[in-house]
Amino acid sequence: MLFLYSDGFQDQFGGENKTKFLSKRFRKVLIEGSDLPTEKQETRIEKIFMDWKQNQPQIDDVIVMGIRV
């Protein structure tokens, strides 16, 4: 999978301590789900984002695009 994405996901505040998601954690999410079918990856990534964000306001645009090569 080849992923293109904005910085919105990594910059989102949330979790227990209301901290940023950060790029290292985001890369891990993409790598761990890369063998799943595309539709399941989409659902998984969206769920992880919403679970992280909880009731925090979304602070930026969030774009994640995956292309299977």
PDB file of N, CA and C in Angstrom:
ATOM      1  N   MET A   1       0.853  -1.186   0.000  1.00  0.00           N
ATOM      2  CA  MET A   1       0.000   0.000   0.000  1.00  0.00           C
ATOM      3  C   MET A   1       0.890   1.237   0.000  1.00  0.00           C
ATOM      4  N   LEU A   2       0.431   2.212  -0.753  1.00  0.00           N
ATOM      5  CA  LEU A   2       1.055   3.525  -0.777  1.00  0.00           C
ATOM      6  C   LEU A   2       0.041   4.481  -0.158  1.00  0.00           C
ATOM      7  N   PHE A   3       0.453   5.220   0.862  1.00  0.00           N
ATOM      8  CA  PHE A   3      -0.457   6.132   1.543  1.00  0.00           C
ATOM      9  C   PHE A   3      -0.030   7.579   1.342  1.00  0.00           C
ATOM     10  N   LEU A   4      -1.010   8.418   1.076  1.00  0.00           N
ATOM     11  CA  LEU A   4      -0.834   9.865   1.048  1.00  0.00           C
ATOM     12  C   LEU A   4      -1.768  10.418   2.109  1.00  0.00           C
ATOM     13  N   TYR A   5      -1.298  11.388   2.878  1.00  0.00           N
ATOM     14  CA  TYR A   5      -2.134  11.889   3.969  1.00  0.00           C
ATOM     15  C   TYR A   5      -1.713  13.286   4.386  1.00  0.00           C
ATOM     16  N   SER A   6      -2.656  13.990   4.968  1.00  0.00           N
ATOM     17  CA  SER A   6      -2.374  15.301   5.536  1.00  0.00           C
ATOM     18  C   SER A   6      -1.848  15.112   6.960  1.00  0.00           C
ATOM     19  N   ASP A   7      -1.466  16.197   7.581  1.00  0.00           N
ATOM     20  CA  ASP A   7      -0.942  16.105   8.949  1.00  0.00           C
ATOM     21  C   ASP A   7      -2.046  16.154  10.005  1.00  0.00           C
ATOM     22  N   GLY A   8      -3.296  16.226   9.582  1.00  0.00           N
ATOM     23  CA  GLY A   8      -4.407  16.384  10.520  1.00  0.00           C
ATOM     24  C   GLY A   8      -4.566  15.238  11.500  1.00  0.00           C
ATOM     25  N   PHE A   9      -4.360  14.002  11.045  1.00  0.00           N
ATOM     26  CA  PHE A   9      -4.510  12.833  11.917  1.00  0.00           C
ATOM     27  C   PHE A   9      -3.461  12.881  13.029  1.00  0.00           C
ATOM     28  N   GLN A  10      -2.213  13.095  12.659  1.00  0.00           N
ATOM     29  CA  GLN A  10      -1.122  13.100  13.636  1.00  0.00           C
ATOM     30  C   GLN A  10      -1.215  14.252  14.627  1.00  0.00           C
ATOM     31  N   ASP A  11      -1.780  15.367  14.184  1.00  0.00           N
ATOM     32  CA  ASP A  11      -1.864  16.558  15.041  1.00  0.00           C
ATOM     33  C   ASP A  11      -3.087  16.577  15.945  1.00  0.00           C
ATOM     34  N   GLN A  12      -3.984  15.590  15.788  1.00  0.00           N
ATOM     35  CA  GLN A  12      -5.228  15.582  16.564  1.00  0.00           C
ATOM     36  C   GLN A  12      -4.967  15.275  18.032  1.00  0.00           C
ATOM     37  N   PHE A  13      -5.534  16.083  18.902  1.00  0.00           N
ATOM     38  CA  PHE A  13      -5.448  15.848  20.340  1.00  0.00           C
ATOM     39  C   PHE A  13      -6.481  14.814  20.756  1.00  0.00           C
ATOM     40  N   GLY A  14      -6.130  13.995  21.738  1.00  0.00           N
ATOM     41  CA  GLY A  14      -7.064  13.000  22.244  1.00  0.00           C
ATOM     42  C   GLY A  14      -6.362  12.024  23.168  1.00  0.00           C
ATOM     43  N   GLY A  15      -6.950  10.846  23.300  1.00  0.00           N
ATOM     44  CA  GLY A  15      -6.403   9.836  24.200  1.00  0.00           C
ATOM     45  C   GLY A  15      -6.605  10.220  25.656  1.00  0.00           C
ATOM     46  N   GLU A  16      -6.035   9.419  26.527  1.00  0.00           N
ATOM     47  CA  GLU A  16      -6.196   9.647  27.974  1.00  0.00           C
ATOM     48  C   GLU A  16      -5.671  11.005  28.421  1.00  0.00           C
ATOM     49  N   ASN A  17      -4.524  11.412  27.860  1.00  0.00           N
ATOM     50  CA  ASN A  17      -3.864  12.630  28.330  1.00  0.00           C
ATOM     51  C   ASN A  17      -4.091  13.835  27.429  1.00  0.00           C
ATOM     52  N   LYS A  18      -5.012  13.706  26.456  1.00  0.00           N
ATOM     53  CA  LYS A  18      -5.322  14.799  25.527  1.00  0.00           C
ATOM     54  C   LYS A  18      -4.070  15.307  24.824  1.00  0.00           C
ATOM     55  N   THR A  19      -3.227  14.364  24.347  1.00  0.00           N
ATOM     56  CA  THR A  19      -2.007  14.689  23.622  1.00  0.00           C
ATOM     57  C   THR A  19      -2.209  14.451  22.133  1.00  0.00           C
ATOM     58  N   LYS A  20      -1.236  14.845  21.325  1.00  0.00           N
ATOM     59  CA  LYS A  20      -1.305  14.623  19.880  1.00  0.00           C
ATOM     60  C   LYS A  20      -1.104  13.143  19.573  1.00  0.00           C
ATOM     61  N   PHE A  21      -1.677  12.696  18.463  1.00  0.00           N
ATOM     62  CA  PHE A  21      -1.555  11.303  18.036  1.00  0.00           C
ATOM     63  C   PHE A  21      -0.111  11.010  17.615  1.00  0.00           C
ATOM     64  N   LEU A  22       0.507  11.912  16.913  1.00  0.00           N
ATOM     65  CA  LEU A  22       1.901  11.877  16.468  1.00  0.00           C
ATOM     66  C   LEU A  22       2.146  10.910  15.309  1.00  0.00           C
ATOM     67  N   SER A  23       3.170  11.210  14.533  1.00  0.00           N
ATOM     68  CA  SER A  23       3.448  10.475  13.293  1.00  0.00           C
ATOM     69  C   SER A  23       3.926   9.041  13.536  1.00  0.00           C
ATOM     70  N   LYS A  24       4.678   8.790  14.585  1.00  0.00           N
ATOM     71  CA  LYS A  24       5.161   7.435  14.853  1.00  0.00           C
ATOM     72  C   LYS A  24       3.982   6.476  15.085  1.00  0.00           C
ATOM     73  N   ARG A  25       3.020   6.888  15.871  1.00  0.00           N
ATOM     74  CA  ARG A  25       1.833   6.073  16.142  1.00  0.00           C
ATOM     75  C   ARG A  25       1.005   5.904  14.865  1.00  0.00           C
ATOM     76  N   PHE A  26       0.895   6.974  14.068  1.00  0.00           N
ATOM     77  CA  PHE A  26       0.122   6.918  12.832  1.00  0.00           C
ATOM     78  C   PHE A  26       0.750   5.932  11.841  1.00  0.00           C
ATOM     79  N   ARG A  27       2.061   5.979  11.675  1.00  0.00           N
ATOM     80  CA  ARG A  27       2.743   5.024  10.782  1.00  0.00           C
ATOM     81  C   ARG A  27       2.501   3.594  11.237  1.00  0.00           C
ATOM     82  N   LYS A  28       2.518   3.357  12.544  1.00  0.00           N
ATOM     83  CA  LYS A  28       2.259   2.024  13.078  1.00  0.00           C
ATOM     84  C   LYS A  28       0.849   1.556  12.705  1.00  0.00           C
ATOM     85  N   VAL A  29      -0.130   2.442  12.796  1.00  0.00           N
ATOM     86  CA  VAL A  29      -1.515   2.120  12.417  1.00  0.00           C
ATOM     87  C   VAL A  29      -1.561   1.698  10.948  1.00  0.00           C
ATOM     88  N   LEU A  30      -0.899   2.467  10.081  1.00  0.00           N
ATOM     89  CA  LEU A  30      -0.915   2.152   8.648  1.00  0.00           C
ATOM     90  C   LEU A  30      -0.220   0.830   8.354  1.00  0.00           C
ATOM     91  N   ILE A  31       0.916   0.597   8.964  1.00  0.00           N
ATOM     92  CA  ILE A  31       1.674  -0.632   8.719  1.00  0.00           C
ATOM     93  C   ILE A  31       0.912  -1.853   9.224  1.00  0.00           C
ATOM     94  N   GLU A  32       0.362  -1.769  10.421  1.00  0.00           N
ATOM     95  CA  GLU A  32      -0.339  -2.926  11.002  1.00  0.00           C
ATOM     96  C   GLU A  32      -1.587  -3.316  10.225  1.00  0.00           C
ATOM     97  N   GLY A  33      -2.209  -2.378   9.549  1.00  0.00           N
ATOM     98  CA  GLY A  33      -3.424  -2.694   8.809  1.00  0.00           C
ATOM     99  C   GLY A  33      -3.225  -2.851   7.314  1.00  0.00           C
ATOM    100  N   SER A  34      -1.993  -2.746   6.846  1.00  0.00           N
ATOM    101  CA  SER A  34      -1.742  -2.712   5.405  1.00  0.00           C
ATOM    102  C   SER A  34      -2.087  -4.004   4.674  1.00  0.00           C
ATOM    103  N   ASP A  35      -2.175  -5.123   5.374  1.00  0.00           N
ATOM    104  CA  ASP A  35      -2.511  -6.383   4.716  1.00  0.00           C
ATOM    105  C   ASP A  35      -4.025  -6.623   4.651  1.00  0.00           C
ATOM    106  N   LEU A  36      -4.811  -5.755   5.267  1.00  0.00           N
ATOM    107  CA  LEU A  36      -6.270  -5.885   5.246  1.00  0.00           C
ATOM    108  C   LEU A  36      -6.821  -5.407   3.902  1.00  0.00           C
ATOM    109  N   PRO A  37      -8.012  -5.875   3.530  1.00  0.00           N
ATOM    110  CA  PRO A  37      -8.667  -5.315   2.341  1.00  0.00           C
ATOM    111  C   PRO A  37      -8.870  -3.806   2.522  1.00  0.00           C
ATOM    112  N   THR A  38      -8.887  -3.093   1.430  1.00  0.00           N
ATOM    113  CA  THR A  38      -8.959  -1.630   1.471  1.00  0.00           C
ATOM    114  C   THR A  38     -10.140  -1.124   2.289  1.00  0.00           C
ATOM    115  N   GLU A  39     -11.313  -1.731   2.130  1.00  0.00           N
ATOM    116  CA  GLU A  39     -12.499  -1.277   2.852  1.00  0.00           C
ATOM    117  C   GLU A  39     -12.327  -1.439   4.362  1.00  0.00           C
ATOM    118  N   LYS A  40     -11.693  -2.527   4.774  1.00  0.00           N
ATOM    119  CA  LYS A  40     -11.472  -2.755   6.211  1.00  0.00           C
ATOM    120  C   LYS A  40     -10.435  -1.780   6.757  1.00  0.00           C
ATOM    121  N   GLN A  41      -9.449  -1.439   5.936  1.00  0.00           N
ATOM    122  CA  GLN A  41      -8.467  -0.444   6.370  1.00  0.00           C
ATOM    123  C   GLN A  41      -9.151   0.892   6.622  1.00  0.00           C
ATOM    124  N   GLU A  42     -10.037   1.279   5.716  1.00  0.00           N
ATOM    125  CA  GLU A  42     -10.751   2.545   5.865  1.00  0.00           C
ATOM    126  C   GLU A  42     -11.541   2.568   7.170  1.00  0.00           C
ATOM    127  N   THR A  43     -12.285   1.507   7.423  1.00  0.00           N
ATOM    128  CA  THR A  43     -13.087   1.412   8.646  1.00  0.00           C
ATOM    129  C   THR A  43     -12.193   1.445   9.876  1.00  0.00           C
ATOM    130  N   ARG A  44     -11.098   0.710   9.837  1.00  0.00           N
ATOM    131  CA  ARG A  44     -10.161   0.628  10.970  1.00  0.00           C
ATOM    132  C   ARG A  44      -9.545   1.991  11.273  1.00  0.00           C
ATOM    133  N   ILE A  45      -9.061   2.679  10.233  1.00  0.00           N
ATOM    134  CA  ILE A  45      -8.420   3.978  10.417  1.00  0.00           C
ATOM    135  C   ILE A  45      -9.410   4.998  10.971  1.00  0.00           C
ATOM    136  N   GLU A  46     -10.622   4.998  10.437  1.00  0.00           N
ATOM    137  CA  GLU A  46     -11.638   5.929  10.926  1.00  0.00           C
ATOM    138  C   GLU A  46     -11.990   5.650  12.390  1.00  0.00           C
ATOM    139  N   LYS A  47     -12.119   4.386  12.753  1.00  0.00           N
ATOM    140  CA  LYS A  47     -12.443   4.021  14.143  1.00  0.00           C
ATOM    141  C   LYS A  47     -11.313   4.441  15.092  1.00  0.00           C
ATOM    142  N   ILE A  48     -10.073   4.197  14.691  1.00  0.00           N
ATOM    143  CA  ILE A  48      -8.935   4.589  15.528  1.00  0.00           C
ATOM    144  C   ILE A  48      -8.936   6.100  15.743  1.00  0.00           C
ATOM    145  N   PHE A  49      -9.218   6.851  14.666  1.00  0.00           N
ATOM    146  CA  PHE A  49      -9.242   8.309  14.787  1.00  0.00           C
ATOM    147  C   PHE A  49     -10.349   8.767  15.741  1.00  0.00           C
ATOM    148  N   MET A  50     -11.542   8.241  15.554  1.00  0.00           N
ATOM    149  CA  MET A  50     -12.674   8.656  16.390  1.00  0.00           C
ATOM    150  C   MET A  50     -12.469   8.237  17.852  1.00  0.00           C
ATOM    151  N   ASP A  51     -11.921   7.049  18.070  1.00  0.00           N
ATOM    152  CA  ASP A  51     -11.631   6.598  19.435  1.00  0.00           C
ATOM    153  C   ASP A  51     -10.581   7.494  20.092  1.00  0.00           C
ATOM    154  N   TRP A  52      -9.595   7.940  19.312  1.00  0.00           N
ATOM    155  CA  TRP A  52      -8.542   8.808  19.848  1.00  0.00           C
ATOM    156  C   TRP A  52      -9.108  10.195  20.158  1.00  0.00           C
ATOM    157  N   LYS A  53      -9.854  10.744  19.217  1.00  0.00           N
ATOM    158  CA  LYS A  53     -10.385  12.106  19.336  1.00  0.00           C
ATOM    159  C   LYS A  53     -11.381  12.230  20.480  1.00  0.00           C
ATOM    160  N   GLN A  54     -12.161  11.194  20.712  1.00  0.00           N
ATOM    161  CA  GLN A  54     -13.212  11.195  21.729  1.00  0.00           C
ATOM    162  C   GLN A  54     -14.082  12.431  21.571  1.00  0.00           C
ATOM    163  N   ASN A  55     -14.162  13.266  22.565  1.00  0.00           N
ATOM    164  CA  ASN A  55     -15.015  14.457  22.493  1.00  0.00           C
ATOM    165  C   ASN A  55     -14.224  15.728  22.218  1.00  0.00           C
ATOM    166  N   GLN A  56     -12.955  15.580  21.848  1.00  0.00           N
ATOM    167  CA  GLN A  56     -12.126  16.744  21.517  1.00  0.00           C
ATOM    168  C   GLN A  56     -12.555  17.295  20.156  1.00  0.00           C
ATOM    169  N   PRO A  57     -12.496  18.607  19.969  1.00  0.00           N
ATOM    170  CA  PRO A  57     -12.830  19.160  18.652  1.00  0.00           C
ATOM    171  C   PRO A  57     -11.766  18.773  17.633  1.00  0.00           C
ATOM    172  N   GLN A  58     -12.193  18.543  16.401  1.00  0.00           N
ATOM    173  CA  GLN A  58     -11.234  18.252  15.337  1.00  0.00           C
ATOM    174  C   GLN A  58     -10.542  19.552  14.987  1.00  0.00           C
ATOM    175  N   ILE A  59      -9.198  19.568  15.008  1.00  0.00           N
ATOM    176  CA  ILE A  59      -8.471  20.821  14.869  1.00  0.00           C
ATOM    177  C   ILE A  59      -7.979  21.093  13.453  1.00  0.00           C
ATOM    178  N   ASP A  60      -8.063  20.114  12.570  1.00  0.00           N
ATOM    179  CA  ASP A  60      -7.520  20.282  11.227  1.00  0.00           C
ATOM    180  C   ASP A  60      -8.243  19.320  10.283  1.00  0.00           C
ATOM    181  N   ASP A  61      -8.013  19.517   8.976  1.00  0.00           N
ATOM    182  CA  ASP A  61      -8.565  18.565   8.023  1.00  0.00           C
ATOM    183  C   ASP A  61      -7.811  17.244   8.163  1.00  0.00           C
ATOM    184  N   VAL A  62      -8.491  16.145   7.890  1.00  0.00           N
ATOM    185  CA  VAL A  62      -7.879  14.815   7.975  1.00  0.00           C
ATOM    186  C   VAL A  62      -8.134  14.104   6.661  1.00  0.00           C
ATOM    187  N   ILE A  63      -7.059  13.848   5.929  1.00  0.00           N
ATOM    188  CA  ILE A  63      -7.162  13.139   4.649  1.00  0.00           C
ATOM    189  C   ILE A  63      -6.176  11.985   4.683  1.00  0.00           C
ATOM    190  N   VAL A  64      -6.684  10.778   4.402  1.00  0.00           N
ATOM    191  CA  VAL A  64      -5.833   9.596   4.277  1.00  0.00           C
ATOM    192  C   VAL A  64      -6.270   8.881   2.998  1.00  0.00           C
ATOM    193  N   MET A  65      -5.335   8.693   2.086  1.00  0.00           N
ATOM    194  CA  MET A  65      -5.633   8.018   0.828  1.00  0.00           C
ATOM    195  C   MET A  65      -4.651   6.874   0.651  1.00  0.00           C
ATOM    196  N   GLY A  66      -5.167   5.686   0.416  1.00  0.00           N
ATOM    197  CA  GLY A  66      -4.322   4.524   0.209  1.00  0.00           C
ATOM    198  C   GLY A  66      -4.484   3.969  -1.190  1.00  0.00           C
ATOM    199  N   ILE A  67      -3.365   3.581  -1.805  1.00  0.00           N
ATOM    200  CA  ILE A  67      -3.379   2.998  -3.133  1.00  0.00           C
ATOM    201  C   ILE A  67      -2.617   1.679  -3.064  1.00  0.00           C
ATOM    202  N   ARG A  68      -3.294   0.611  -3.448  1.00  0.00           N
ATOM    203  CA  ARG A  68      -2.630  -0.689  -3.455  1.00  0.00           C
ATOM    204  C   ARG A  68      -1.868  -0.847  -4.764  1.00  0.00           C
ATOM    205  N   VAL A  69      -0.580  -1.132  -4.651  1.00  0.00           N
ATOM    206  CA  VAL A  69       0.262  -1.321  -5.853  1.00  0.00           C
ATOM    207  C   VAL A  69       0.715  -2.761  -5.977  1.00  0.00           C
TER     208      VAL A  69
END
